[in-house]
Amino acid sequence: MPKEVQMSIKMEPELHEQFMAAAAAMHRPAAQIVRELMRSYIAHQELPNAETIAAIEAVERGEVNTYASVNDFYNKMGI
């Protein structure tokens, strides 16, 4: 088993209380939930969405994509 490390997080007391209550209501250890949230966050940072992949492939083929607006571009890129 890999060596585990400890981590400290500063947060508002109310947030801590609400999180601990939610974890207890689900009968799950808070640390397990935090690890799952961290893994999910990492996964979402590493994987571009389908629109981003399509845009990258189009650029590599020399094609130009057009978008209705900057917001349209950001929305389609998942930003």
N, C-alpha and C. Protein backbone atom coordinates (compact mmCIF):
# COMPACT_ATOMS: atom_id res chain seq x y z
N MET A 1 0.85 -1.19 0.00
CA MET A 1 0.00 0.00 0.00
C MET A 1 0.89 1.25 0.00
N PRO A 2 0.56 2.24 -0.83
CA PRO A 2 1.36 3.47 -0.87
C PRO A 2 1.32 4.21 0.47
N LYS A 3 2.40 4.92 0.74
CA LYS A 3 2.46 5.72 1.96
C LYS A 3 1.45 6.84 1.88
N GLU A 4 0.74 7.08 2.96
CA GLU A 4 -0.24 8.17 3.00
C GLU A 4 0.38 9.40 3.63
N VAL A 5 -0.10 10.55 3.21
CA VAL A 5 0.33 11.82 3.78
C VAL A 5 -0.89 12.53 4.34
N GLN A 6 -0.66 13.43 5.25
CA GLN A 6 -1.76 14.21 5.82
C GLN A 6 -1.78 15.58 5.18
N MET A 7 -2.97 16.17 5.19
CA MET A 7 -3.16 17.48 4.58
C MET A 7 -4.04 18.32 5.49
N SER A 8 -3.71 19.57 5.65
CA SER A 8 -4.53 20.50 6.43
C SER A 8 -5.19 21.48 5.48
N ILE A 9 -6.45 21.79 5.76
CA ILE A 9 -7.19 22.73 4.92
C ILE A 9 -7.84 23.77 5.82
N LYS A 10 -7.66 25.03 5.49
CA LYS A 10 -8.34 26.10 6.23
C LYS A 10 -9.69 26.35 5.58
N MET A 11 -10.71 26.45 6.40
CA MET A 11 -12.06 26.74 5.89
C MET A 11 -12.88 27.37 6.99
N GLU A 12 -14.00 27.93 6.58
CA GLU A 12 -14.90 28.54 7.53
C GLU A 12 -15.51 27.45 8.42
N PRO A 13 -15.70 27.75 9.70
CA PRO A 13 -16.30 26.76 10.61
C PRO A 13 -17.65 26.24 10.12
N GLU A 14 -18.45 27.12 9.54
CA GLU A 14 -19.77 26.70 9.06
C GLU A 14 -19.65 25.68 7.93
N LEU A 15 -18.69 25.90 7.02
CA LEU A 15 -18.47 24.97 5.92
C LEU A 15 -18.04 23.61 6.48
N HIS A 16 -17.14 23.63 7.43
CA HIS A 16 -16.67 22.39 8.06
C HIS A 16 -17.84 21.64 8.71
N GLU A 17 -18.64 22.35 9.45
CA GLU A 17 -19.78 21.72 10.12
C GLU A 17 -20.76 21.13 9.12
N GLN A 18 -21.05 21.87 8.06
CA GLN A 18 -21.99 21.38 7.05
C GLN A 18 -21.44 20.15 6.33
N PHE A 19 -20.14 20.19 6.01
CA PHE A 19 -19.52 19.06 5.32
C PHE A 19 -19.52 17.82 6.21
N MET A 20 -19.12 17.98 7.45
CA MET A 20 -19.09 16.84 8.37
C MET A 20 -20.49 16.26 8.57
N ALA A 21 -21.50 17.12 8.66
CA ALA A 21 -22.88 16.65 8.82
C ALA A 21 -23.33 15.89 7.58
N ALA A 22 -22.97 16.41 6.40
CA ALA A 22 -23.36 15.73 5.15
C ALA A 22 -22.67 14.37 5.05
N ALA A 23 -21.41 14.30 5.42
CA ALA A 23 -20.68 13.03 5.39
C ALA A 23 -21.30 12.04 6.36
N ALA A 24 -21.62 12.51 7.56
CA ALA A 24 -22.23 11.64 8.57
C ALA A 24 -23.60 11.14 8.10
N ALA A 25 -24.36 12.00 7.46
CA ALA A 25 -25.69 11.62 6.97
C ALA A 25 -25.59 10.51 5.92
N MET A 26 -24.49 10.48 5.18
CA MET A 26 -24.28 9.46 4.16
C MET A 26 -23.50 8.27 4.71
N HIS A 27 -23.15 8.32 6.00
CA HIS A 27 -22.39 7.25 6.67
C HIS A 27 -21.07 6.97 5.94
N ARG A 28 -20.39 8.08 5.58
CA ARG A 28 -19.12 7.97 4.87
C ARG A 28 -18.07 8.81 5.57
N PRO A 29 -16.85 8.33 5.64
CA PRO A 29 -15.77 9.13 6.23
C PRO A 29 -15.50 10.38 5.40
N ALA A 30 -15.34 11.49 6.06
CA ALA A 30 -15.08 12.76 5.37
C ALA A 30 -13.82 12.66 4.51
N ALA A 31 -12.78 12.00 5.01
CA ALA A 31 -11.52 11.88 4.25
C ALA A 31 -11.75 11.14 2.94
N GLN A 32 -12.60 10.13 2.94
CA GLN A 32 -12.88 9.38 1.72
C GLN A 32 -13.56 10.29 0.69
N ILE A 33 -14.48 11.11 1.14
CA ILE A 33 -15.19 12.03 0.24
C ILE A 33 -14.21 13.05 -0.34
N VAL A 34 -13.32 13.57 0.50
CA VAL A 34 -12.33 14.55 0.02
C VAL A 34 -11.43 13.91 -1.03
N ARG A 35 -10.97 12.68 -0.80
CA ARG A 35 -10.13 12.00 -1.79
C ARG A 35 -10.88 11.83 -3.11
N GLU A 36 -12.16 11.46 -3.05
CA GLU A 36 -12.95 11.31 -4.27
C GLU A 36 -13.11 12.64 -4.99
N LEU A 37 -13.35 13.71 -4.24
CA LEU A 37 -13.46 15.03 -4.85
C LEU A 37 -12.15 15.43 -5.52
N MET A 38 -11.03 15.14 -4.88
CA MET A 38 -9.72 15.47 -5.46
C MET A 38 -9.47 14.68 -6.74
N ARG A 39 -9.80 13.39 -6.71
CA ARG A 39 -9.62 12.56 -7.92
C ARG A 39 -10.50 13.07 -9.06
N SER A 40 -11.72 13.43 -8.75
CA SER A 40 -12.64 13.96 -9.76
C SER A 40 -12.11 15.27 -10.34
N TYR A 41 -11.62 16.13 -9.48
CA TYR A 41 -11.07 17.41 -9.93
C TYR A 41 -9.89 17.19 -10.88
N ILE A 42 -9.00 16.29 -10.50
CA ILE A 42 -7.83 16.00 -11.33
C ILE A 42 -8.28 15.44 -12.68
N ALA A 43 -9.21 14.51 -12.66
CA ALA A 43 -9.69 13.90 -13.91
C ALA A 43 -10.29 14.95 -14.83
N HIS A 44 -11.03 15.89 -14.28
CA HIS A 44 -11.65 16.92 -15.11
C HIS A 44 -10.63 17.91 -15.66
N GLN A 45 -9.50 18.04 -14.99
CA GLN A 45 -8.46 18.94 -15.49
C GLN A 45 -7.67 18.31 -16.62
N GLU A 46 -7.60 16.99 -16.64
CA GLU A 46 -6.77 16.29 -17.61
C GLU A 46 -7.50 15.95 -18.90
N LEU A 47 -8.82 15.84 -18.85
CA LEU A 47 -9.57 15.37 -20.01
C LEU A 47 -10.30 16.51 -20.71
N PRO A 48 -9.88 16.84 -21.93
CA PRO A 48 -10.64 17.86 -22.67
C PRO A 48 -11.98 17.28 -23.11
N ASN A 49 -12.97 18.16 -23.23
CA ASN A 49 -14.27 17.67 -23.68
C ASN A 49 -14.23 17.39 -25.19
N ALA A 50 -15.29 16.80 -25.70
CA ALA A 50 -15.34 16.39 -27.11
C ALA A 50 -15.18 17.58 -28.05
N GLU A 51 -15.77 18.71 -27.70
CA GLU A 51 -15.67 19.91 -28.54
C GLU A 51 -14.22 20.40 -28.60
N THR A 52 -13.51 20.35 -27.49
CA THR A 52 -12.11 20.78 -27.46
C THR A 52 -11.26 19.85 -28.31
N ILE A 53 -11.48 18.56 -28.19
CA ILE A 53 -10.74 17.59 -28.99
C ILE A 53 -11.00 17.82 -30.47
N ALA A 54 -12.26 18.04 -30.84
CA ALA A 54 -12.60 18.30 -32.24
C ALA A 54 -11.92 19.57 -32.74
N ALA A 55 -11.87 20.60 -31.92
CA ALA A 55 -11.23 21.86 -32.31
C ALA A 55 -9.73 21.66 -32.52
N ILE A 56 -9.09 20.93 -31.63
CA ILE A 56 -7.66 20.65 -31.76
C ILE A 56 -7.39 19.87 -33.04
N GLU A 57 -8.20 18.85 -33.30
CA GLU A 57 -8.02 18.05 -34.51
C GLU A 57 -8.25 18.88 -35.76
N ALA A 58 -9.23 19.79 -35.73
CA ALA A 58 -9.49 20.66 -36.89
C ALA A 58 -8.31 21.56 -37.16
N VAL A 59 -7.73 22.13 -36.10
CA VAL A 59 -6.57 23.01 -36.27
C VAL A 59 -5.41 22.21 -36.85
N GLU A 60 -5.22 20.99 -36.36
CA GLU A 60 -4.14 20.15 -36.88
C GLU A 60 -4.34 19.82 -38.36
N ARG A 61 -5.60 19.79 -38.82
CA ARG A 61 -5.89 19.56 -40.24
C ARG A 61 -5.84 20.86 -41.05
N GLY A 62 -5.59 21.97 -40.36
CA GLY A 62 -5.53 23.26 -41.04
C GLY A 62 -6.88 23.93 -41.21
N GLU A 63 -7.90 23.43 -40.56
CA GLU A 63 -9.23 24.01 -40.65
C GLU A 63 -9.38 25.12 -39.61
N VAL A 64 -10.25 26.05 -39.90
CA VAL A 64 -10.52 27.15 -38.99
C VAL A 64 -11.94 27.01 -38.47
N ASN A 65 -12.10 27.08 -37.16
CA ASN A 65 -13.42 27.04 -36.55
C ASN A 65 -13.91 28.45 -36.30
N THR A 66 -15.19 28.65 -36.47
CA THR A 66 -15.77 29.95 -36.13
C THR A 66 -16.83 29.74 -35.06
N TYR A 67 -16.97 30.73 -34.22
CA TYR A 67 -17.93 30.69 -33.13
C TYR A 67 -18.72 31.98 -33.14
N ALA A 68 -19.94 31.93 -32.65
CA ALA A 68 -20.82 33.09 -32.66
C ALA A 68 -20.27 34.22 -31.80
N SER A 69 -19.60 33.85 -30.71
CA SER A 69 -19.05 34.86 -29.80
C SER A 69 -17.98 34.20 -28.94
N VAL A 70 -17.30 35.00 -28.17
CA VAL A 70 -16.31 34.47 -27.23
C VAL A 70 -17.00 33.56 -26.23
N ASN A 71 -18.18 33.97 -25.76
CA ASN A 71 -18.92 33.12 -24.82
C ASN A 71 -19.30 31.78 -25.45
N ASP A 72 -19.67 31.80 -26.71
CA ASP A 72 -19.98 30.56 -27.42
C ASP A 72 -18.75 29.65 -27.46
N PHE A 73 -17.60 30.24 -27.76
CA PHE A 73 -16.34 29.49 -27.77
C PHE A 73 -16.07 28.88 -26.40
N TYR A 74 -16.14 29.71 -25.35
CA TYR A 74 -15.86 29.21 -24.00
C TYR A 74 -16.85 28.12 -23.60
N ASN A 75 -18.11 28.30 -23.91
CA ASN A 75 -19.12 27.30 -23.56
C ASN A 75 -18.82 25.96 -24.26
N LYS A 76 -18.51 26.03 -25.54
CA LYS A 76 -18.23 24.80 -26.29
C LYS A 76 -16.94 24.14 -25.86
N MET A 77 -15.99 24.92 -25.37
CA MET A 77 -14.73 24.36 -24.90
C MET A 77 -14.84 23.86 -23.46
N GLY A 78 -15.96 24.13 -22.82
CA GLY A 78 -16.14 23.68 -21.44
C GLY A 78 -15.35 24.50 -20.45
N ILE A 79 -15.09 25.75 -20.80
CA ILE A 79 -14.30 26.63 -19.93
C ILE A 79 -15.25 27.46 -19.08
